[in-house]
Amino acid sequence: MEPIPAAPLERYVTDDVRQMRAYPEQPPIIPHSIEGYQLSVNANRCLSCHKRENSLGTGAPMISITHFMTREGQMLADVSPRRYFCTQCHVPQADTEALVKNTFTDMADMGTETAGDQ
């Protein structure tokens, strides 16, 4: 029952550079700090920059049109309640070692040619 020192906290990548997605449906990684962001039923700080009407003025990428759709594909005037809590899919990138070995190979590295390269 002796006290032991806590492991250091991970350092988040905060360079604001968008990362390439590893697979087609991967949610984008958050390239900036979200420490202190309020994300609750009553407030979502992410939307202050990424909502359609705010993105032009802030330079932030607009949230996907899919975030305005219901499960049935009906378009809404505002963000769908099921897409409101951003961090259920999007996470900040931490500068850490991988927890498990990863053998993922990106499609671009598999020797295939893209359309129009012939």
Protein backbone atom coordinates (compact mmCIF):
# COMPACT_ATOMS: atom_id res chain seq x y z
CA MET A 1 0.00 0.00 0.00
CA GLU A 2 2.87 2.36 -0.67
CA PRO A 3 2.15 5.41 -2.80
CA ILE A 4 3.61 5.25 -6.29
CA PRO A 5 4.10 8.16 -8.67
CA ALA A 6 1.42 8.63 -11.30
CA ALA A 7 2.30 8.14 -14.94
CA PRO A 8 2.76 11.44 -16.80
CA LEU A 9 -0.26 12.69 -18.71
CA GLU A 10 -0.15 12.30 -22.47
CA ARG A 11 0.74 15.31 -24.56
CA TYR A 12 -1.89 16.21 -27.12
CA VAL A 13 -0.91 17.26 -30.62
CA THR A 14 -2.03 20.88 -30.87
CA ASP A 15 -0.46 22.03 -34.13
CA ASP A 16 -3.86 22.58 -35.81
CA VAL A 17 -2.75 20.51 -38.82
CA ARG A 18 -5.43 18.18 -40.16
CA GLN A 19 -4.39 14.53 -40.13
CA MET A 20 -4.97 12.14 -43.00
CA ARG A 21 -7.70 9.61 -42.24
CA ALA A 22 -6.64 5.98 -41.98
CA TYR A 23 -9.85 4.62 -43.53
CA PRO A 24 -12.79 6.13 -45.49
CA GLU A 25 -15.39 6.41 -42.71
CA GLN A 26 -12.98 7.42 -39.92
CA PRO A 27 -14.14 10.48 -38.00
CA PRO A 28 -11.58 13.29 -38.29
CA ILE A 29 -9.18 13.68 -35.37
CA ILE A 30 -9.34 16.95 -33.41
CA PRO A 31 -6.03 18.74 -34.20
CA HIS A 32 -6.21 21.20 -31.28
CA SER A 33 -6.65 21.22 -27.53
CA ILE A 34 -10.19 20.85 -26.21
CA GLU A 35 -9.19 21.18 -22.56
CA GLY A 36 -11.80 23.25 -20.76
CA TYR A 37 -14.38 22.93 -23.56
CA GLN A 38 -17.92 22.67 -22.27
CA LEU A 39 -19.82 19.83 -23.87
CA SER A 40 -23.15 19.20 -22.21
CA VAL A 41 -26.85 19.09 -23.02
CA ASN A 42 -26.96 22.88 -22.64
CA ALA A 43 -23.72 23.89 -24.35
CA ASN A 44 -21.36 22.69 -27.09
CA ARG A 45 -18.26 24.85 -27.57
CA CYS A 46 -17.28 22.95 -30.73
CA LEU A 47 -20.28 24.41 -32.54
CA SER A 48 -19.11 27.97 -31.85
CA CYS A 49 -16.48 27.42 -34.59
CA HIS A 50 -17.61 24.40 -36.61
CA LYS A 51 -21.33 25.09 -37.10
CA ARG A 52 -22.18 26.03 -40.69
CA GLU A 53 -22.96 29.68 -40.00
CA ASN A 54 -19.77 30.15 -37.92
CA SER A 55 -17.19 28.19 -39.92
CA LEU A 56 -16.53 30.83 -42.58
CA GLY A 57 -15.62 33.48 -40.03
CA THR A 58 -13.47 31.18 -37.89
CA GLY A 59 -11.70 29.26 -40.67
CA ALA A 60 -12.67 25.98 -39.00
CA PRO A 61 -13.98 23.16 -41.21
CA MET A 62 -17.77 22.97 -41.24
CA ILE A 63 -19.30 19.89 -39.65
CA SER A 64 -20.44 17.30 -42.15
CA ILE A 65 -23.90 17.48 -43.69
CA THR A 66 -24.49 14.02 -42.19
CA HIS A 67 -24.61 15.66 -38.75
CA PHE A 68 -27.86 17.36 -39.78
CA MET A 69 -29.67 14.11 -40.68
CA THR A 70 -31.94 11.86 -38.66
CA ARG A 71 -31.55 8.07 -38.69
CA GLU A 72 -34.16 7.99 -41.45
CA GLY A 73 -32.20 10.44 -43.62
CA GLN A 74 -34.48 13.44 -43.02
CA MET A 75 -32.60 16.76 -43.09
CA LEU A 76 -32.82 19.01 -40.03
CA ALA A 77 -32.21 22.75 -39.67
CA ASP A 78 -29.80 22.18 -36.77
CA VAL A 79 -27.37 19.49 -35.61
CA SER A 80 -29.07 16.16 -34.98
CA PRO A 81 -29.31 15.25 -31.28
CA ARG A 82 -27.51 11.97 -31.99
CA ARG A 83 -24.53 13.91 -33.42
CA TYR A 84 -24.45 16.68 -30.79
CA PHE A 85 -21.81 15.16 -28.47
CA CYS A 86 -18.74 15.48 -30.71
CA THR A 87 -16.32 13.52 -28.53
CA GLN A 88 -18.35 10.33 -28.85
CA CYS A 89 -16.64 9.97 -32.27
CA HIS A 90 -13.96 12.68 -32.54
CA VAL A 91 -10.91 12.62 -30.25
CA PRO A 92 -7.84 14.80 -29.84
CA GLN A 93 -4.62 13.20 -31.08
CA ALA A 94 -2.25 12.26 -28.26
CA ASP A 95 1.51 12.00 -28.83
CA THR A 96 1.93 8.50 -27.36
CA GLU A 97 3.24 5.08 -28.22
CA ALA A 98 0.73 2.60 -29.63
CA LEU A 99 -0.84 0.35 -27.00
CA VAL A 100 -0.93 -2.62 -29.37
CA LYS A 101 1.03 -3.52 -32.48
CA ASN A 102 -0.59 -2.08 -35.59
CA THR A 103 -0.13 -3.68 -39.00
CA PHE A 104 -2.55 -1.37 -40.81
CA THR A 105 -1.59 -0.59 -44.42
CA ASP A 106 -3.14 2.42 -46.10
CA MET A 107 -4.75 1.69 -49.49
CA ALA A 108 -2.40 4.21 -51.13
CA ASP A 109 0.56 2.10 -50.00
CA MET A 110 -0.80 -1.17 -51.45
CA GLY A 111 0.47 -0.53 -54.95
CA THR A 112 -2.84 0.40 -56.49
CA GLU A 113 -3.07 3.27 -58.93
CA THR A 114 -5.64 6.01 -58.52
CA ALA A 115 -8.13 6.83 -61.25
CA GLY A 116 -6.64 9.05 -63.92
CA ASP A 117 -3.03 7.92 -63.35
CA GLN A 118 -2.91 5.89 -66.57
